[in-house]
C-alpha cells in the first residue's frame, strides 16, 4: 500500500504545506480546545492530530489499514467540505491527512489552539 516513496512524499508535504488554520469558535468556558478538520478534496481522507509520520506510515502498511488508522485516533472525513472535530488541550498541534482512495499523503498543517476555542484546518486539492 504505502512505501518509502509515500513516506518521503509525506515528509515533503510537511516541509512545503502552508498552514491555513484559523482561530474562531465561541466561549472561553470550555477547559480544552477543538480542532475542526475540513476535507475540501475530491476523495475521503483520514485525519490525525499529533500522530507521528512513522506511525501513520506503519498503519498504512497494516493488513487492515483503516482499522490501524482508527487505532491511532484518526478520523475518516468524506469529501466535499465534510469535517471532523478533535478535542485537544490548548497549545500547538500537528494535523496530518492521508487520501485513502489514492493512498497518498494530503499534507500536514500546524495549528495553535486556545482554551475554549475552535481552530479550523482545511485540506484542499493540490
C-alpha atoms as a PDB file:
ATOM      1  CA  UNK A   1       0.000   0.000   0.000  1.00  0.00           C
ATOM      2  CA  UNK A   2       2.301   2.784   1.204  1.00  0.00           C
ATOM      3  CA  UNK A   3       6.020   2.557   0.639  1.00  0.00           C
ATOM      4  CA  UNK A   4       9.143   4.599   1.248  1.00  0.00           C
ATOM      5  CA  UNK A   5       8.253   6.975  -1.562  1.00  0.00           C
ATOM      6  CA  UNK A   6       4.935   7.713   0.145  1.00  0.00           C
ATOM      7  CA  UNK A   7       6.797   8.432   3.375  1.00  0.00           C
ATOM      8  CA  UNK A   8       9.183  10.766   1.528  1.00  0.00           C
ATOM      9  CA  UNK A   9       6.205  12.458  -0.130  1.00  0.00           C
ATOM     10  CA  UNK A  10       4.557  12.880   3.276  1.00  0.00           C
ATOM     11  CA  UNK A  11       7.761  14.396   4.635  1.00  0.00           C
ATOM     12  CA  UNK A  12       7.886  16.765   1.641  1.00  0.00           C
ATOM     13  CA  UNK A  13       4.289  17.809   2.317  1.00  0.00           C
ATOM     14  CA  UNK A  14       5.254  18.594   5.889  1.00  0.00           C
ATOM     15  CA  UNK A  15       8.029  20.856   4.652  1.00  0.00           C
ATOM     16  CA  UNK A  16       6.044  22.558   1.898  1.00  0.00           C
ATOM     17  CA  UNK A  17       2.491  22.835   3.185  1.00  0.00           C
ATOM     18  CA  UNK A  18       1.448  26.254   4.355  1.00  0.00           C
ATOM     19  CA  UNK A  19      -0.812  26.455   7.347  1.00  0.00           C
ATOM     20  CA  UNK A  20      -4.382  27.595   6.831  1.00  0.00           C
ATOM     21  CA  UNK A  21      -5.524  27.332  10.396  1.00  0.00           C
ATOM     22  CA  UNK A  22      -7.877  29.964  11.643  1.00  0.00           C
ATOM     23  CA  UNK A  23      -8.889  30.513  15.250  1.00  0.00           C
ATOM     24  CA  UNK A  24     -12.532  31.049  15.930  1.00  0.00           C
ATOM     25  CA  UNK A  25     -15.343  29.488  17.833  1.00  0.00           C
ATOM     26  CA  UNK A  26     -17.110  30.513  20.921  1.00  0.00           C
ATOM     27  CA  UNK A  27     -16.586  30.747  24.520  1.00  0.00           C
ATOM     28  CA  UNK A  28     -13.749  30.660  26.910  1.00  0.00           C
ATOM     29  CA  UNK A  29     -15.804  28.462  29.205  1.00  0.00           C
ATOM     30  CA  UNK A  30     -14.519  25.127  27.898  1.00  0.00           C
ATOM     31  CA  UNK A  31     -11.413  23.706  29.550  1.00  0.00           C
ATOM     32  CA  UNK A  32      -9.993  22.297  26.310  1.00  0.00           C
ATOM     33  CA  UNK A  33      -9.974  23.469  22.712  1.00  0.00           C
ATOM     34  CA  UNK A  34     -11.202  21.923  19.483  1.00  0.00           C
ATOM     35  CA  UNK A  35      -9.691  21.394  16.057  1.00  0.00           C
ATOM     36  CA  UNK A  36     -12.173  21.202  13.177  1.00  0.00           C
ATOM     37  CA  UNK A  37     -10.618  19.430  10.177  1.00  0.00           C
ATOM     38  CA  UNK A  38     -12.403  20.182   6.891  1.00  0.00           C
ATOM     39  CA  UNK A  39     -11.920  17.973   3.824  1.00  0.00           C
ATOM     40  CA  UNK A  40     -12.203  20.060   0.656  1.00  0.00           C
ATOM     41  CA  UNK A  41     -10.547  17.412  -1.517  1.00  0.00           C
ATOM     42  CA  UNK A  42     -12.252  15.121  -4.026  1.00  0.00           C
ATOM     43  CA  UNK A  43     -11.655  11.935  -2.009  1.00  0.00           C
ATOM     44  CA  UNK A  44     -12.255  10.806   1.563  1.00  0.00           C
ATOM     45  CA  UNK A  45      -9.308  11.353   3.886  1.00  0.00           C
ATOM     46  CA  UNK A  46      -8.145  10.137   7.263  1.00  0.00           C
ATOM     47  CA  UNK A  47      -7.075  12.964   9.563  1.00  0.00           C
ATOM     48  CA  UNK A  48      -4.782  12.639  12.571  1.00  0.00           C
ATOM     49  CA  UNK A  49      -3.827  15.077  15.317  1.00  0.00           C
ATOM     50  CA  UNK A  50      -0.374  14.802  16.891  1.00  0.00           C
ATOM     51  CA  UNK A  51       0.420  11.402  15.350  1.00  0.00           C
ATOM     52  CA  UNK A  52       3.935  10.829  14.027  1.00  0.00           C
ATOM     53  CA  UNK A  53       4.532  10.301  10.315  1.00  0.00           C
ATOM     54  CA  UNK A  54       6.244   6.991  11.124  1.00  0.00           C
ATOM     55  CA  UNK A  55       3.165   5.711  12.972  1.00  0.00           C
ATOM     56  CA  UNK A  56       0.905   6.711  10.064  1.00  0.00           C
ATOM     57  CA  UNK A  57       3.239   5.008   7.588  1.00  0.00           C
ATOM     58  CA  UNK A  58       3.299   1.816   9.684  1.00  0.00           C
ATOM     59  CA  UNK A  59      -0.500   1.846   9.951  1.00  0.00           C
ATOM     60  CA  UNK A  60      -0.817   2.275   6.188  1.00  0.00           C
ATOM     61  CA  UNK A  61       1.115  -0.961   5.668  1.00  0.00           C
ATOM     62  CA  UNK A  62      -1.010  -2.988   8.098  1.00  0.00           C
ATOM     63  CA  UNK A  63      -3.223  -5.829   6.889  1.00  0.00           C
ATOM     64  CA  UNK A  64      -6.234  -3.603   7.662  1.00  0.00           C
ATOM     65  CA  UNK A  65      -5.008  -0.001   7.325  1.00  0.00           C
ATOM     66  CA  UNK A  66      -8.391   1.535   8.143  1.00  0.00           C
ATOM     67  CA  UNK A  67      -8.521  -0.292  11.485  1.00  0.00           C
ATOM     68  CA  UNK A  68      -4.913   0.739  12.117  1.00  0.00           C
ATOM     69  CA  UNK A  69      -5.758   4.386  11.324  1.00  0.00           C
ATOM     70  CA  UNK A  70      -8.688   4.240  13.760  1.00  0.00           C
ATOM     71  CA  UNK A  71      -6.402   2.753  16.420  1.00  0.00           C
ATOM     72  CA  UNK A  72      -4.147   5.809  16.046  1.00  0.00           C
ATOM     73  CA  UNK A  73      -7.120   8.077  16.753  1.00  0.00           C
ATOM     74  CA  UNK A  74      -7.609   9.032  13.123  1.00  0.00           C
ATOM     75  CA  UNK A  75     -10.997  10.029  11.799  1.00  0.00           C
ATOM     76  CA  UNK A  76     -12.368   9.401   8.321  1.00  0.00           C
ATOM     77  CA  UNK A  77     -13.764  12.517   6.654  1.00  0.00           C
ATOM     78  CA  UNK A  78     -15.857  12.307   3.500  1.00  0.00           C
ATOM     79  CA  UNK A  79     -15.007  14.548   0.530  1.00  0.00           C
ATOM     80  CA  UNK A  80     -16.740  17.780  -0.365  1.00  0.00           C
ATOM     81  CA  UNK A  81     -16.448  20.015   2.686  1.00  0.00           C
ATOM     82  CA  UNK A  82     -17.267  17.465   5.365  1.00  0.00           C
ATOM     83  CA  UNK A  83     -15.438  17.731   8.663  1.00  0.00           C
ATOM     84  CA  UNK A  84     -14.440  16.009  11.889  1.00  0.00           C
ATOM     85  CA  UNK A  85     -13.817  17.511  15.310  1.00  0.00           C
ATOM     86  CA  UNK A  86     -10.878  16.690  17.591  1.00  0.00           C
ATOM     87  CA  UNK A  87     -10.894  17.727  21.260  1.00  0.00           C
ATOM     88  CA  UNK A  88      -7.381  18.760  22.307  1.00  0.00           C
ATOM     89  CA  UNK A  89      -5.556  20.644  25.024  1.00  0.00           C
ATOM     90  CA  UNK A  90      -4.784  24.270  24.194  1.00  0.00           C
ATOM     91  CA  UNK A  91      -1.404  24.658  22.527  1.00  0.00           C
ATOM     92  CA  UNK A  92       0.474  23.666  19.372  1.00  0.00           C
ATOM     93  CA  UNK A  93      -0.688  20.662  17.357  1.00  0.00           C
ATOM     94  CA  UNK A  94       0.142  18.901  14.088  1.00  0.00           C
ATOM     95  CA  UNK A  95      -2.733  17.824  11.836  1.00  0.00           C
ATOM     96  CA  UNK A  96      -1.946  15.253   9.135  1.00  0.00           C
ATOM     97  CA  UNK A  97      -4.235  13.935   6.390  1.00  0.00           C
ATOM     98  CA  UNK A  98      -3.979  10.905   4.111  1.00  0.00           C
ATOM     99  CA  UNK A  99      -6.077  10.309   0.971  1.00  0.00           C
ATOM    100  CA  UNK A 100      -7.483   6.804   1.418  1.00  0.00           C
ATOM    101  CA  UNK A 101      -8.573   6.351  -2.221  1.00  0.00           C
ATOM    102  CA  UNK A 102      -5.326   7.360  -3.901  1.00  0.00           C
ATOM    103  CA  UNK A 103      -3.305   6.078  -0.930  1.00  0.00           C
ATOM    104  CA  UNK A 104      -1.160   9.179  -0.670  1.00  0.00           C
ATOM    105  CA  UNK A 105      -0.477  11.955   1.828  1.00  0.00           C
ATOM    106  CA  UNK A 106      -2.604  15.079   1.523  1.00  0.00           C
ATOM    107  CA  UNK A 107      -0.489  17.230   3.808  1.00  0.00           C
ATOM    108  CA  UNK A 108       0.399  18.314   7.294  1.00  0.00           C
ATOM    109  CA  UNK A 109      -0.501  21.590   8.962  1.00  0.00           C
ATOM    110  CA  UNK A 110       0.459  23.137  12.267  1.00  0.00           C
ATOM    111  CA  UNK A 111      -2.155  24.868  14.363  1.00  0.00           C
ATOM    112  CA  UNK A 112      -2.107  26.577  17.741  1.00  0.00           C
ATOM    113  CA  UNK A 113      -5.333  26.305  19.704  1.00  0.00           C
ATOM    114  CA  UNK A 114      -6.635  28.434  22.542  1.00  0.00           C
ATOM    115  CA  UNK A 115      -8.603  27.372  25.592  1.00  0.00           C
ATOM    116  CA  UNK A 116     -12.308  27.184  24.815  1.00  0.00           C
ATOM    117  CA  UNK A 117     -11.853  27.997  21.113  1.00  0.00           C
ATOM    118  CA  UNK A 118     -12.204  26.062  17.866  1.00  0.00           C
ATOM    119  CA  UNK A 119      -9.436  26.211  15.271  1.00  0.00           C
ATOM    120  CA  UNK A 120     -10.194  25.217  11.687  1.00  0.00           C
ATOM    121  CA  UNK A 121      -7.772  23.335   9.424  1.00  0.00           C
ATOM    122  CA  UNK A 122      -8.718  22.822   5.780  1.00  0.00           C
ATOM    123  CA  UNK A 123      -7.222  20.326   3.354  1.00  0.00           C
ATOM    124  CA  UNK A 124      -7.637  21.302  -0.298  1.00  0.00           C
ATOM    125  CA  UNK A 125      -6.926  19.607  -3.632  1.00  0.00           C
ATOM    126  CA  UNK A 126      -3.335  20.227  -4.662  1.00  0.00           C
END
